[in-house]
PDB file of N, CA and C in Angstrom:
ATOM      1  N   MET A   1      -8.535  10.601  10.291  1.00  0.00           N
ATOM      2  CA  MET A   1      -7.501   9.573  10.327  1.00  0.00           C
ATOM      3  C   MET A   1      -6.153  10.267  10.435  1.00  0.00           C
ATOM      4  N   SER A   2      -5.311   9.845  11.358  1.00  0.00           N
ATOM      5  CA  SER A   2      -4.008  10.473  11.539  1.00  0.00           C
ATOM      6  C   SER A   2      -2.978   9.846  10.618  1.00  0.00           C
ATOM      7  N   GLU A   3      -1.849  10.530  10.493  1.00  0.00           N
ATOM      8  CA  GLU A   3      -0.768  10.036   9.640  1.00  0.00           C
ATOM      9  C   GLU A   3      -0.317   8.651  10.101  1.00  0.00           C
ATOM     10  N   SER A   4      -0.273   8.429  11.415  1.00  0.00           N
ATOM     11  CA  SER A   4       0.156   7.118  11.915  1.00  0.00           C
ATOM     12  C   SER A   4      -0.826   6.016  11.542  1.00  0.00           C
ATOM     13  N   ASP A   5      -2.104   6.365  11.325  1.00  0.00           N
ATOM     14  CA  ASP A   5      -3.079   5.374  10.883  1.00  0.00           C
ATOM     15  C   ASP A   5      -2.846   4.983   9.432  1.00  0.00           C
ATOM     16  N   ASP A   6      -2.287   5.898   8.634  1.00  0.00           N
ATOM     17  CA  ASP A   6      -2.048   5.645   7.221  1.00  0.00           C
ATOM     18  C   ASP A   6      -0.880   4.694   6.995  1.00  0.00           C
ATOM     19  N   ILE A   7       0.106   4.779   7.852  1.00  0.00           N
ATOM     20  CA  ILE A   7       1.322   3.986   7.675  1.00  0.00           C
ATOM     21  C   ILE A   7       1.208   2.728   8.520  1.00  0.00           C
ATOM     22  N   THR A   8       1.446   1.614   7.900  1.00  0.00           N
ATOM     23  CA  THR A   8       1.311   0.329   8.572  1.00  0.00           C
ATOM     24  C   THR A   8       2.625  -0.036   9.249  1.00  0.00           C
ATOM     25  N   ASP A   9       2.571  -0.492  10.484  1.00  0.00           N
ATOM     26  CA  ASP A   9       3.781  -0.920  11.165  1.00  0.00           C
ATOM     27  C   ASP A   9       3.737  -2.423  11.395  1.00  0.00           C
ATOM     28  N   ALA A  10       4.786  -2.939  12.030  1.00  0.00           N
ATOM     29  CA  ALA A  10       4.924  -4.387  12.206  1.00  0.00           C
ATOM     30  C   ALA A  10       3.831  -4.979  13.091  1.00  0.00           C
ATOM     31  N   ARG A  11       3.172  -4.179  13.907  1.00  0.00           N
ATOM     32  CA  ARG A  11       2.141  -4.699  14.800  1.00  0.00           C
ATOM     33  C   ARG A  11       0.806  -4.917  14.099  1.00  0.00           C
ATOM     34  N   SER A  12       0.607  -4.311  12.943  1.00  0.00           N
ATOM     35  CA  SER A  12      -0.696  -4.429  12.289  1.00  0.00           C
ATOM     36  C   SER A  12      -0.545  -4.627  10.783  1.00  0.00           C
ATOM     37  N   PRO A  13      -0.059  -5.792  10.368  1.00  0.00           N
ATOM     38  CA  PRO A  13       0.102  -6.022   8.926  1.00  0.00           C
ATOM     39  C   PRO A  13      -1.245  -6.056   8.207  1.00  0.00           C
ATOM     40  N   LEU A  14      -1.242  -5.598   6.976  1.00  0.00           N
ATOM     41  CA  LEU A  14      -2.444  -5.636   6.144  1.00  0.00           C
ATOM     42  C   LEU A  14      -2.628  -7.053   5.607  1.00  0.00           C
ATOM     43  N   ALA A  15      -3.849  -7.510   5.599  1.00  0.00           N
ATOM     44  CA  ALA A  15      -4.160  -8.866   5.145  1.00  0.00           C
ATOM     45  C   ALA A  15      -4.077  -8.963   3.621  1.00  0.00           C
ATOM     46  N   PRO A  16      -3.721 -10.130   3.099  1.00  0.00           N
ATOM     47  CA  PRO A  16      -3.744 -10.334   1.646  1.00  0.00           C
ATOM     48  C   PRO A  16      -5.118  -9.969   1.087  1.00  0.00           C
ATOM     49  N   GLY A  17      -5.110  -9.300  -0.052  1.00  0.00           N
ATOM     50  CA  GLY A  17      -6.341  -8.872  -0.697  1.00  0.00           C
ATOM     51  C   GLY A  17      -6.752  -7.448  -0.353  1.00  0.00           C
ATOM     52  N   THR A  18      -6.137  -6.865   0.677  1.00  0.00           N
ATOM     53  CA  THR A  18      -6.464  -5.493   1.060  1.00  0.00           C
ATOM     54  C   THR A  18      -6.029  -4.534  -0.036  1.00  0.00           C
ATOM     55  N   ARG A  19      -6.941  -3.647  -0.446  1.00  0.00           N
ATOM     56  CA  ARG A  19      -6.614  -2.646  -1.464  1.00  0.00           C
ATOM     57  C   ARG A  19      -5.754  -1.567  -0.820  1.00  0.00           C
ATOM     58  N   VAL A  20      -4.632  -1.235  -1.477  1.00  0.00           N
ATOM     59  CA  VAL A  20      -3.673  -0.293  -0.910  1.00  0.00           C
ATOM     60  C   VAL A  20      -3.226   0.749  -1.922  1.00  0.00           C
ATOM     61  N   GLU A  21      -2.580   1.787  -1.402  1.00  0.00           N
ATOM     62  CA  GLU A  21      -1.901   2.800  -2.185  1.00  0.00           C
ATOM     63  C   GLU A  21      -0.413   2.655  -1.910  1.00  0.00           C
ATOM     64  N   VAL A  22       0.414   3.023  -2.885  1.00  0.00           N
ATOM     65  CA  VAL A  22       1.867   2.915  -2.764  1.00  0.00           C
ATOM     66  C   VAL A  22       2.470   4.301  -2.946  1.00  0.00           C
ATOM     67  N   GLN A  23       3.399   4.655  -2.084  1.00  0.00           N
ATOM     68  CA  GLN A  23       4.059   5.950  -2.196  1.00  0.00           C
ATOM     69  C   GLN A  23       5.115   5.873  -3.290  1.00  0.00           C
ATOM     70  N   THR A  24       5.062   6.841  -4.204  1.00  0.00           N
ATOM     71  CA  THR A  24       6.006   6.841  -5.313  1.00  0.00           C
ATOM     72  C   THR A  24       7.355   7.388  -4.867  1.00  0.00           C
ATOM     73  N   GLY A  25       8.402   6.952  -5.511  1.00  0.00           N
ATOM     74  CA  GLY A  25       9.736   7.439  -5.203  1.00  0.00           C
ATOM     75  C   GLY A  25      10.054   8.764  -5.866  1.00  0.00           C
ATOM     76  N   PHE A  26       9.282   9.127  -6.868  1.00  0.00           N
ATOM     77  CA  PHE A  26       9.565  10.346  -7.629  1.00  0.00           C
ATOM     78  C   PHE A  26       9.221  11.603  -6.845  1.00  0.00           C
ATOM     79  N   ASP A  27       7.984  11.741  -6.423  1.00  0.00           N
ATOM     80  CA  ASP A  27       7.573  12.960  -5.723  1.00  0.00           C
ATOM     81  C   ASP A  27       6.871  12.690  -4.390  1.00  0.00           C
ATOM     82  N   GLY A  28       6.824  11.442  -3.974  1.00  0.00           N
ATOM     83  CA  GLY A  28       6.216  11.104  -2.692  1.00  0.00           C
ATOM     84  C   GLY A  28       4.704  11.037  -2.699  1.00  0.00           C
ATOM     85  N   SER A  29       4.086  11.154  -3.869  1.00  0.00           N
ATOM     86  CA  SER A  29       2.621  11.053  -3.952  1.00  0.00           C
ATOM     87  C   SER A  29       2.211   9.591  -3.783  1.00  0.00           C
ATOM     88  N   TRP A  30       0.905   9.368  -3.631  1.00  0.00           N
ATOM     89  CA  TRP A  30       0.380   8.019  -3.429  1.00  0.00           C
ATOM     90  C   TRP A  30      -0.347   7.554  -4.676  1.00  0.00           C
ATOM     91  N   SER A  31      -0.060   6.336  -5.103  1.00  0.00           N
ATOM     92  CA  SER A  31      -0.631   5.759  -6.310  1.00  0.00           C
ATOM     93  C   SER A  31      -1.576   4.618  -5.943  1.00  0.00           C
ATOM     94  N   THR A  32      -2.757   4.598  -6.552  1.00  0.00           N
ATOM     95  CA  THR A  32      -3.749   3.571  -6.257  1.00  0.00           C
ATOM     96  C   THR A  32      -3.679   2.431  -7.274  1.00  0.00           C
ATOM     97  N   GLY A  33      -4.473   1.393  -7.038  1.00  0.00           N
ATOM     98  CA  GLY A  33      -4.575   0.305  -8.000  1.00  0.00           C
ATOM     99  C   GLY A  33      -3.787  -0.935  -7.629  1.00  0.00           C
ATOM    100  N   PHE A  34      -3.542  -1.131  -6.337  1.00  0.00           N
ATOM    101  CA  PHE A  34      -2.757  -2.274  -5.877  1.00  0.00           C
ATOM    102  C   PHE A  34      -3.486  -2.988  -4.746  1.00  0.00           C
ATOM    103  N   ALA A  35      -3.132  -4.234  -4.539  1.00  0.00           N
ATOM    104  CA  ALA A  35      -3.663  -5.019  -3.427  1.00  0.00           C
ATOM    105  C   ALA A  35      -2.524  -5.827  -2.828  1.00  0.00           C
ATOM    106  N   VAL A  36      -2.611  -6.094  -1.531  1.00  0.00           N
ATOM    107  CA  VAL A  36      -1.590  -6.886  -0.845  1.00  0.00           C
ATOM    108  C   VAL A  36      -1.665  -8.327  -1.340  1.00  0.00           C
ATOM    109  N   GLU A  37      -0.546  -8.843  -1.768  1.00  0.00           N
ATOM    110  CA  GLU A  37      -0.438 -10.249  -2.153  1.00  0.00           C
ATOM    111  C   GLU A  37       0.040 -11.070  -0.956  1.00  0.00           C
ATOM    112  N   ASP A  38       1.037 -10.519  -0.258  1.00  0.00           N
ATOM    113  CA  ASP A  38       1.672 -11.234   0.843  1.00  0.00           C
ATOM    114  C   ASP A  38       2.429 -10.209   1.679  1.00  0.00           C
ATOM    115  N   HIS A  39       2.715 -10.545   2.926  1.00  0.00           N
ATOM    116  CA  HIS A  39       3.539  -9.657   3.746  1.00  0.00           C
ATOM    117  C   HIS A  39       4.563 -10.465   4.519  1.00  0.00           C
ATOM    118  N   ALA A  40       5.692  -9.806   4.790  1.00  0.00           N
ATOM    119  CA  ALA A  40       6.787 -10.423   5.531  1.00  0.00           C
ATOM    120  C   ALA A  40       7.437  -9.335   6.374  1.00  0.00           C
ATOM    121  N   ALA A  41       8.448  -9.693   7.129  1.00  0.00           N
ATOM    122  CA  ALA A  41       9.140  -8.719   7.971  1.00  0.00           C
ATOM    123  C   ALA A  41       9.734  -7.579   7.147  1.00  0.00           C
ATOM    124  N   SER A  42      10.123  -7.855   5.911  1.00  0.00           N
ATOM    125  CA  SER A  42      10.759  -6.836   5.068  1.00  0.00           C
ATOM    126  C   SER A  42       9.759  -5.911   4.380  1.00  0.00           C
ATOM    127  N   GLY A  43       8.486  -6.255   4.371  1.00  0.00           N
ATOM    128  CA  GLY A  43       7.482  -5.401   3.742  1.00  0.00           C
ATOM    129  C   GLY A  43       6.403  -6.198   3.037  1.00  0.00           C
ATOM    130  N   TYR A  44       5.860  -5.598   1.985  1.00  0.00           N
ATOM    131  CA  TYR A  44       4.730  -6.189   1.275  1.00  0.00           C
ATOM    132  C   TYR A  44       5.057  -6.532  -0.166  1.00  0.00           C
ATOM    133  N   ARG A  45       4.515  -7.653  -0.622  1.00  0.00           N
ATOM    134  CA  ARG A  45       4.462  -7.974  -2.052  1.00  0.00           C
ATOM    135  C   ARG A  45       3.091  -7.526  -2.505  1.00  0.00           C
ATOM    136  N   LEU A  46       3.036  -6.835  -3.643  1.00  0.00           N
ATOM    137  CA  LEU A  46       1.776  -6.271  -4.111  1.00  0.00           C
ATOM    138  C   LEU A  46       1.368  -6.817  -5.462  1.00  0.00           C
ATOM    139  N   ARG A  47       0.062  -6.849  -5.676  1.00  0.00           N
ATOM    140  CA  ARG A  47      -0.516  -7.263  -6.951  1.00  0.00           C
ATOM    141  C   ARG A  47      -1.126  -6.024  -7.599  1.00  0.00           C
ATOM    142  N   ARG A  48      -0.764  -5.768  -8.848  1.00  0.00           N
ATOM    143  CA  ARG A  48      -1.343  -4.659  -9.612  1.00  0.00           C
ATOM    144  C   ARG A  48      -2.723  -5.086 -10.086  1.00  0.00           C
ATOM    145  N   GLN A  49      -3.738  -4.308  -9.781  1.00  0.00           N
ATOM    146  CA  GLN A  49      -5.109  -4.694 -10.085  1.00  0.00           C
ATOM    147  C   GLN A  49      -5.435  -4.591 -11.572  1.00  0.00           C
ATOM    148  N   SER A  50      -4.753  -3.726 -12.310  1.00  0.00           N
ATOM    149  CA  SER A  50      -5.091  -3.532 -13.724  1.00  0.00           C
ATOM    150  C   SER A  50      -4.845  -4.785 -14.558  1.00  0.00           C
ATOM    151  N   ASP A  51      -3.797  -5.551 -14.226  1.00  0.00           N
ATOM    152  CA  ASP A  51      -3.491  -6.752 -15.006  1.00  0.00           C
ATOM    153  C   ASP A  51      -3.277  -7.993 -14.136  1.00  0.00           C
ATOM    154  N   ASP A  52      -3.539  -7.868 -12.821  1.00  0.00           N
ATOM    155  CA  ASP A  52      -3.457  -8.983 -11.880  1.00  0.00           C
ATOM    156  C   ASP A  52      -2.044  -9.553 -11.738  1.00  0.00           C
ATOM    157  N   GLU A  53      -1.018  -8.747 -12.050  1.00  0.00           N
ATOM    158  CA  GLU A  53       0.368  -9.206 -11.930  1.00  0.00           C
ATOM    159  C   GLU A  53       0.942  -8.857 -10.563  1.00  0.00           C
ATOM    160  N   VAL A  54       1.717  -9.789  -9.995  1.00  0.00           N
ATOM    161  CA  VAL A  54       2.434  -9.534  -8.754  1.00  0.00           C
ATOM    162  C   VAL A  54       3.714  -8.782  -9.124  1.00  0.00           C
ATOM    163  N   LEU A  55       3.945  -7.658  -8.452  1.00  0.00           N
ATOM    164  CA  LEU A  55       5.131  -6.856  -8.753  1.00  0.00           C
ATOM    165  C   LEU A  55       6.383  -7.575  -8.259  1.00  0.00           C
ATOM    166  N   PRO A  56       7.508  -7.397  -8.972  1.00  0.00           N
ATOM    167  CA  PRO A  56       8.718  -8.171  -8.687  1.00  0.00           C
ATOM    168  C   PRO A  56       9.578  -7.629  -7.549  1.00  0.00           C
ATOM    169  N   THR A  57       9.037  -6.795  -6.691  1.00  0.00           N
ATOM    170  CA  THR A  57       9.814  -6.234  -5.593  1.00  0.00           C
ATOM    171  C   THR A  57       8.975  -6.175  -4.331  1.00  0.00           C
ATOM    172  N   THR A  58       9.629  -6.003  -3.209  1.00  0.00           N
ATOM    173  CA  THR A  58       8.952  -5.849  -1.929  1.00  0.00           C
ATOM    174  C   THR A  58       8.926  -4.370  -1.576  1.00  0.00           C
ATOM    175  N   PHE A  59       7.796  -3.906  -1.078  1.00  0.00           N
ATOM    176  CA  PHE A  59       7.643  -2.509  -0.691  1.00  0.00           C
ATOM    177  C   PHE A  59       7.684  -2.401   0.819  1.00  0.00           C
ATOM    178  N   GLY A  60       8.480  -1.464   1.320  1.00  0.00           N
ATOM    179  CA  GLY A  60       8.572  -1.244   2.758  1.00  0.00           C
ATOM    180  C   GLY A  60       7.228  -0.845   3.338  1.00  0.00           C
ATOM    181  N   ARG A  61       7.031  -1.175   4.597  1.00  0.00           N
ATOM    182  CA  ARG A  61       5.746  -0.910   5.246  1.00  0.00           C
ATOM    183  C   ARG A  61       5.387   0.577   5.246  1.00  0.00           C
ATOM    184  N   SER A  62       6.363   1.452   5.320  1.00  0.00           N
ATOM    185  CA  SER A  62       6.071   2.888   5.342  1.00  0.00           C
ATOM    186  C   SER A  62       5.649   3.417   3.981  1.00  0.00           C
ATOM    187  N   ALA A  63       5.834   2.643   2.911  1.00  0.00           N
ATOM    188  CA  ALA A  63       5.477   3.068   1.558  1.00  0.00           C
ATOM    189  C   ALA A  63       4.135   2.500   1.104  1.00  0.00           C
ATOM    190  N   VAL A  64       3.433   1.814   2.011  1.00  0.00           N
ATOM    191  CA  VAL A  64       2.149   1.191   1.672  1.00  0.00           C
ATOM    192  C   VAL A  64       1.123   1.609   2.719  1.00  0.00           C
ATOM    193  N   ARG A  65      -0.052   2.025   2.256  1.00  0.00           N
ATOM    194  CA  ARG A  65      -1.141   2.350   3.178  1.00  0.00           C
ATOM    195  C   ARG A  65      -2.458   1.844   2.607  1.00  0.00           C
ATOM    196  N   ARG A  66      -3.418   1.634   3.484  1.00  0.00           N
ATOM    197  CA  ARG A  66      -4.748   1.195   3.075  1.00  0.00           C
ATOM    198  C   ARG A  66      -5.332   2.236   2.122  1.00  0.00           C
ATOM    199  N   GLU A  67      -5.995   1.779   1.060  1.00  0.00           N
ATOM    200  CA  GLU A  67      -6.573   2.691   0.082  1.00  0.00           C
ATOM    201  C   GLU A  67      -7.628   3.572   0.741  1.00  0.00           C
ATOM    202  N   ARG A  68      -7.580   4.852   0.442  1.00  0.00           N
ATOM    203  CA  ARG A  68      -8.558   5.784   0.987  1.00  0.00           C
ATOM    204  C   ARG A  68      -9.831   5.754   0.165  1.00  0.00           C
ATOM    205  N   ASN A  69     -10.951   5.996   0.811  1.00  0.00           N
ATOM    206  CA  ASN A  69     -12.241   5.967   0.131  1.00  0.00           C
ATOM    207  C   ASN A  69     -12.656   7.321  -0.410  1.00  0.00           C
ATOM    208  N   GLY A  70     -12.048   8.403   0.067  1.00  0.00           N
ATOM    209  CA  GLY A  70     -12.425   9.746  -0.352  1.00  0.00           C
ATOM    210  C   GLY A  70     -12.106  10.002  -1.813  1.00  0.00           C
ATOM    211  N   SER A  71     -12.897  10.832  -2.448  1.00  0.00           N
ATOM    212  CA  SER A  71     -12.678  11.135  -3.850  1.00  0.00           C
ATOM    213  C   SER A  71     -11.831  12.379  -4.044  1.00  0.00           C
ATOM    214  N   MET A  72     -11.552  13.115  -2.971  1.00  0.00           N
ATOM    215  CA  MET A  72     -10.745  14.321  -3.055  1.00  0.00           C
ATOM    216  C   MET A  72      -9.386  14.061  -2.421  1.00  0.00           C
ATOM    217  N   TRP A  73      -8.340  14.649  -2.939  1.00  0.00           N
ATOM    218  CA  TRP A  73      -6.989  14.388  -2.460  1.00  0.00           C
ATOM    219  C   TRP A  73      -6.796  14.790  -1.009  1.00  0.00           C
ATOM    220  N   TRP A  74      -7.555  15.739  -0.487  1.00  0.00           N
ATOM    221  CA  TRP A  74      -7.380  16.173   0.881  1.00  0.00           C
ATOM    222  C   TRP A  74      -8.227  15.393   1.872  1.00  0.00           C
ATOM    223  N   VAL A  75      -8.991  14.435   1.392  1.00  0.00           N
ATOM    224  CA  VAL A  75      -9.856  13.633   2.259  1.00  0.00           C
ATOM    225  C   VAL A  75      -9.065  12.478   2.827  1.00  0.00           C
TER     226      VAL A  75
END
């Protein structure tokens, strides 16, 4: 999978319910445990899976990617 496949653009929005990872602002790593709640031109609204809460902010499309299935960080 290429880097461009990881980052979602305006032509291919992720459907509600899709499990995703979010890029952190601290060190740029990817954090799991989220699902798409809704999407708009400005980005995605996400639901935290641990407590089923919708986060109070919108995440830009470049900061959200489909959750990876690999168990190793380099996969």
